[in-house]
Amino acid sequence: MTDVTIRPATQDDAAAIARIYTPARAAMPGVPVIHTAEEDLWFITNRMLPDCTVVVAESGDVICGVAAYTDTWLEQLYVDPAHHRKGIGLTLLNHAMRERPGGLELWVFQSNTPAHRLYESRGFRCVELTDGQSNEEKCPDARYSWPGNL
């Protein structure tokens, strides 16, 4: 496991978050890339950071992961593909769960098997499957819930 520090994100982190967010989304299996890096930066600056509690994972002084959550939803959890399989996603997820002990829900693409394993390993359960017609990517997804939001 990589030694990481979790800290609150600031507006000054937007570009660094985008540098991991865009390639992490592009690395998802079976999910088309529908936004440019510039659009991702706009989303992070104007939607994610103002509307969510956002934390970053740092290894040394490099941001290598991000999680964004509201009172009841884990909206975003992404790790730089160069840092996959080092426990960073688990560290971010555990942080969000500690911060929201009353429960969280999230959406994940059905094709993202590693994410399903991560969430299920921490007690999230699939409560809904969709054909993806309600998401931008038009890819089948799954809604997960932890612990009592069933």
C-alpha atoms as a PDB file:
ATOM      1  CA  MET A   1       0.000   0.000   0.000  1.00  0.00           C
ATOM      2  CA  THR A   2       1.234   3.447  -0.918  1.00  0.00           C
ATOM      3  CA  ASP A   3       1.642   5.939   1.936  1.00  0.00           C
ATOM      4  CA  VAL A   4      -0.959   8.642   1.272  1.00  0.00           C
ATOM      5  CA  THR A   5      -2.323  11.635   3.098  1.00  0.00           C
ATOM      6  CA  ILE A   6      -5.965  12.664   2.770  1.00  0.00           C
ATOM      7  CA  ARG A   7      -6.714  16.369   2.975  1.00  0.00           C
ATOM      8  CA  PRO A   8      -9.524  18.735   2.000  1.00  0.00           C
ATOM      9  CA  ALA A   9      -9.295  19.969  -1.567  1.00  0.00           C
ATOM     10  CA  THR A  10      -9.211  23.664  -2.390  1.00  0.00           C
ATOM     11  CA  GLN A  11      -9.990  25.603  -5.552  1.00  0.00           C
ATOM     12  CA  ASP A  12      -6.217  25.766  -6.094  1.00  0.00           C
ATOM     13  CA  ASP A  13      -6.255  21.960  -6.534  1.00  0.00           C
ATOM     14  CA  ALA A  14      -8.682  22.019  -9.475  1.00  0.00           C
ATOM     15  CA  ALA A  15      -6.049  21.632 -12.217  1.00  0.00           C
ATOM     16  CA  ALA A  16      -4.237  18.833 -10.351  1.00  0.00           C
ATOM     17  CA  ILE A  17      -7.544  17.034  -9.770  1.00  0.00           C
ATOM     18  CA  ALA A  18      -8.348  17.359 -13.477  1.00  0.00           C
ATOM     19  CA  ARG A  19      -4.966  15.842 -14.363  1.00  0.00           C
ATOM     20  CA  ILE A  20      -6.033  12.624 -12.649  1.00  0.00           C
ATOM     21  CA  TYR A  21      -9.791  12.821 -13.246  1.00  0.00           C
ATOM     22  CA  THR A  22      -9.616  12.889 -17.045  1.00  0.00           C
ATOM     23  CA  PRO A  23      -7.270   9.885 -17.497  1.00  0.00           C
ATOM     24  CA  ALA A  24      -9.010   7.934 -14.724  1.00  0.00           C
ATOM     25  CA  ARG A  25     -12.350   8.308 -16.485  1.00  0.00           C
ATOM     26  CA  ALA A  26     -10.725   7.415 -19.823  1.00  0.00           C
ATOM     27  CA  ALA A  27      -9.316   4.217 -18.277  1.00  0.00           C
ATOM     28  CA  MET A  28     -12.721   2.877 -17.255  1.00  0.00           C
ATOM     29  CA  PRO A  29     -13.524  -0.289 -19.199  1.00  0.00           C
ATOM     30  CA  GLY A  30     -16.317  -0.014 -21.736  1.00  0.00           C
ATOM     31  CA  VAL A  31     -17.147   3.633 -21.030  1.00  0.00           C
ATOM     32  CA  PRO A  32     -16.790   6.191 -23.831  1.00  0.00           C
ATOM     33  CA  VAL A  33     -14.912   9.431 -23.269  1.00  0.00           C
ATOM     34  CA  ILE A  34     -17.504  12.158 -23.763  1.00  0.00           C
ATOM     35  CA  HIS A  35     -15.807  15.197 -22.207  1.00  0.00           C
ATOM     36  CA  THR A  36     -12.596  17.011 -23.019  1.00  0.00           C
ATOM     37  CA  ALA A  37      -9.980  17.770 -20.384  1.00  0.00           C
ATOM     38  CA  GLU A  38     -11.133  21.398 -20.485  1.00  0.00           C
ATOM     39  CA  GLU A  39     -14.734  20.374 -19.816  1.00  0.00           C
ATOM     40  CA  ASP A  40     -13.570  18.185 -16.928  1.00  0.00           C
ATOM     41  CA  LEU A  41     -11.663  21.126 -15.427  1.00  0.00           C
ATOM     42  CA  TRP A  42     -14.780  23.303 -15.761  1.00  0.00           C
ATOM     43  CA  PHE A  43     -16.864  20.610 -14.011  1.00  0.00           C
ATOM     44  CA  ILE A  44     -14.346  20.263 -11.171  1.00  0.00           C
ATOM     45  CA  THR A  45     -14.045  24.040 -10.703  1.00  0.00           C
ATOM     46  CA  ASN A  46     -17.720  24.952 -11.064  1.00  0.00           C
ATOM     47  CA  ARG A  47     -19.615  21.896  -9.843  1.00  0.00           C
ATOM     48  CA  MET A  48     -17.541  19.400  -7.880  1.00  0.00           C
ATOM     49  CA  LEU A  49     -15.584  21.738  -5.602  1.00  0.00           C
ATOM     50  CA  PRO A  50     -18.484  24.125  -4.801  1.00  0.00           C
ATOM     51  CA  ASP A  51     -21.202  21.467  -4.430  1.00  0.00           C
ATOM     52  CA  CYS A  52     -19.429  18.601  -2.628  1.00  0.00           C
ATOM     53  CA  THR A  53     -17.074  17.868   0.188  1.00  0.00           C
ATOM     54  CA  VAL A  54     -13.917  17.075  -1.787  1.00  0.00           C
ATOM     55  CA  VAL A  55     -10.778  15.432  -0.474  1.00  0.00           C
ATOM     56  CA  VAL A  56      -7.596  14.513  -2.281  1.00  0.00           C
ATOM     57  CA  ALA A  57      -5.101  11.746  -1.678  1.00  0.00           C
ATOM     58  CA  GLU A  58      -1.490  12.860  -1.851  1.00  0.00           C
ATOM     59  CA  SER A  59       1.587  10.712  -2.139  1.00  0.00           C
ATOM     60  CA  GLY A  60       4.452  12.999  -1.275  1.00  0.00           C
ATOM     61  CA  ASP A  61       3.302  16.269  -2.792  1.00  0.00           C
ATOM     62  CA  VAL A  62       1.489  14.676  -5.764  1.00  0.00           C
ATOM     63  CA  ILE A  63      -2.303  14.429  -5.865  1.00  0.00           C
ATOM     64  CA  CYS A  64      -3.056  10.861  -6.915  1.00  0.00           C
ATOM     65  CA  GLY A  65      -6.743  10.477  -6.052  1.00  0.00           C
ATOM     66  CA  VAL A  66      -9.937  12.380  -5.333  1.00  0.00           C
ATOM     67  CA  ALA A  67     -13.248  11.711  -3.631  1.00  0.00           C
ATOM     68  CA  ALA A  68     -16.273  14.004  -3.661  1.00  0.00           C
ATOM     69  CA  TYR A  69     -19.348  13.409  -1.535  1.00  0.00           C
ATOM     70  CA  THR A  70     -22.476  15.067  -0.251  1.00  0.00           C
ATOM     71  CA  ASP A  71     -24.445  14.198   2.871  1.00  0.00           C
ATOM     72  CA  THR A  72     -25.683  10.920   1.370  1.00  0.00           C
ATOM     73  CA  TRP A  73     -23.948  10.337  -1.981  1.00  0.00           C
ATOM     74  CA  LEU A  74     -20.421   9.452  -2.992  1.00  0.00           C
ATOM     75  CA  GLU A  75     -20.433  11.503  -6.172  1.00  0.00           C
ATOM     76  CA  GLN A  76     -16.871  10.896  -7.414  1.00  0.00           C
ATOM     77  CA  LEU A  77     -13.984   8.598  -6.533  1.00  0.00           C
ATOM     78  CA  TYR A  78     -11.069   8.497  -8.956  1.00  0.00           C
ATOM     79  CA  VAL A  79      -7.442   7.421  -8.717  1.00  0.00           C
ATOM     80  CA  ASP A  80      -4.725   8.307 -11.208  1.00  0.00           C
ATOM     81  CA  PRO A  81      -4.277   5.158 -13.347  1.00  0.00           C
ATOM     82  CA  ALA A  82      -0.514   5.305 -12.620  1.00  0.00           C
ATOM     83  CA  HIS A  83      -1.429   4.714  -8.949  1.00  0.00           C
ATOM     84  CA  HIS A  84      -4.032   1.966  -9.366  1.00  0.00           C
ATOM     85  CA  ARG A  85      -3.836  -1.089  -7.106  1.00  0.00           C
ATOM     86  CA  LYS A  86      -1.938   0.721  -4.356  1.00  0.00           C
ATOM     87  CA  GLY A  87      -4.793   1.090  -1.859  1.00  0.00           C
ATOM     88  CA  ILE A  88      -5.531   4.728  -2.659  1.00  0.00           C
ATOM     89  CA  GLY A  89      -9.130   4.121  -3.713  1.00  0.00           C
ATOM     90  CA  LEU A  90      -9.733   2.110  -0.533  1.00  0.00           C
ATOM     91  CA  THR A  91      -8.182   4.874   1.584  1.00  0.00           C
ATOM     92  CA  LEU A  92     -10.425   7.491  -0.043  1.00  0.00           C
ATOM     93  CA  LEU A  93     -13.499   5.289   0.313  1.00  0.00           C
ATOM     94  CA  ASN A  94     -12.766   4.562   3.968  1.00  0.00           C
ATOM     95  CA  HIS A  95     -12.367   8.303   4.592  1.00  0.00           C
ATOM     96  CA  ALA A  96     -15.741   9.086   3.001  1.00  0.00           C
ATOM     97  CA  MET A  97     -17.399   6.302   5.005  1.00  0.00           C
ATOM     98  CA  ARG A  98     -15.967   7.648   8.271  1.00  0.00           C
ATOM     99  CA  GLU A  99     -17.201  11.128   7.371  1.00  0.00           C
ATOM    100  CA  ARG A 100     -20.691   9.847   6.490  1.00  0.00           C
ATOM    101  CA  PRO A 101     -21.366   7.039   9.007  1.00  0.00           C
ATOM    102  CA  GLY A 102     -25.104   7.260   8.394  1.00  0.00           C
ATOM    103  CA  GLY A 103     -24.653   5.773   4.946  1.00  0.00           C
ATOM    104  CA  LEU A 104     -23.753   6.563   1.368  1.00  0.00           C
ATOM    105  CA  GLU A 105     -25.068   5.728  -2.046  1.00  0.00           C
ATOM    106  CA  LEU A 106     -23.223   5.803  -5.345  1.00  0.00           C
ATOM    107  CA  TRP A 107     -23.498   4.979  -9.015  1.00  0.00           C
ATOM    108  CA  VAL A 108     -20.898   2.853 -10.787  1.00  0.00           C
ATOM    109  CA  PHE A 109     -20.788   1.590 -14.354  1.00  0.00           C
ATOM    110  CA  GLN A 110     -21.606  -2.097 -14.595  1.00  0.00           C
ATOM    111  CA  SER A 111     -18.458  -2.668 -16.678  1.00  0.00           C
ATOM    112  CA  ASN A 112     -16.191  -1.286 -13.918  1.00  0.00           C
ATOM    113  CA  THR A 113     -15.577  -4.607 -12.165  1.00  0.00           C
ATOM    114  CA  PRO A 114     -12.656  -3.379 -10.010  1.00  0.00           C
ATOM    115  CA  ALA A 115     -14.879  -0.632  -8.557  1.00  0.00           C
ATOM    116  CA  HIS A 116     -17.647  -3.142  -7.820  1.00  0.00           C
ATOM    117  CA  ARG A 117     -15.166  -5.313  -5.917  1.00  0.00           C
ATOM    118  CA  LEU A 118     -13.918  -2.312  -3.945  1.00  0.00           C
ATOM    119  CA  TYR A 119     -17.386  -1.158  -2.915  1.00  0.00           C
ATOM    120  CA  GLU A 120     -18.628  -4.644  -2.104  1.00  0.00           C
ATOM    121  CA  SER A 121     -15.517  -5.313   0.004  1.00  0.00           C
ATOM    122  CA  ARG A 122     -16.584  -2.406   2.244  1.00  0.00           C
ATOM    123  CA  GLY A 123     -20.211  -3.508   2.635  1.00  0.00           C
ATOM    124  CA  PHE A 124     -21.901  -1.644  -0.209  1.00  0.00           C
ATOM    125  CA  ARG A 125     -24.694  -3.641  -1.828  1.00  0.00           C
ATOM    126  CA  CYS A 126     -26.140  -3.290  -5.310  1.00  0.00           C
ATOM    127  CA  VAL A 127     -29.731  -2.067  -5.026  1.00  0.00           C
ATOM    128  CA  GLU A 128     -30.500  -1.137  -8.637  1.00  0.00           C
ATOM    129  CA  LEU A 129     -29.286  -1.927 -12.155  1.00  0.00           C
ATOM    130  CA  THR A 130     -30.092   0.311 -15.125  1.00  0.00           C
ATOM    131  CA  ASP A 131     -29.648   0.193 -18.880  1.00  0.00           C
ATOM    132  CA  GLY A 132     -27.718   3.483 -18.718  1.00  0.00           C
ATOM    133  CA  GLN A 133     -30.228   5.596 -20.610  1.00  0.00           C
ATOM    134  CA  SER A 134     -30.322   8.098 -17.746  1.00  0.00           C
ATOM    135  CA  ASN A 135     -26.572   8.797 -17.651  1.00  0.00           C
ATOM    136  CA  GLU A 136     -24.519  10.905 -20.059  1.00  0.00           C
ATOM    137  CA  GLU A 137     -22.429   7.974 -21.270  1.00  0.00           C
ATOM    138  CA  LYS A 138     -25.493   5.799 -22.019  1.00  0.00           C
ATOM    139  CA  CYS A 139     -23.729   2.859 -20.327  1.00  0.00           C
ATOM    140  CA  PRO A 140     -25.418   0.395 -17.978  1.00  0.00           C
ATOM    141  CA  ASP A 141     -24.805   1.333 -14.373  1.00  0.00           C
ATOM    142  CA  ALA A 142     -25.546   0.157 -10.863  1.00  0.00           C
ATOM    143  CA  ARG A 143     -26.636   1.994  -7.741  1.00  0.00           C
ATOM    144  CA  TYR A 144     -24.948   0.842  -4.543  1.00  0.00           C
ATOM    145  CA  SER A 145     -25.953   1.604  -0.987  1.00  0.00           C
ATOM    146  CA  TRP A 146     -24.157   1.437   2.380  1.00  0.00           C
ATOM    147  CA  PRO A 147     -25.211   0.548   5.094  1.00  0.00           C
ATOM    148  CA  GLY A 148     -28.888   1.215   5.722  1.00  0.00           C
ATOM    149  CA  ASN A 149     -30.161   3.149   2.727  1.00  0.00           C
ATOM    150  CA  LEU A 150     -31.879   0.128   1.186  1.00  0.00           C
END
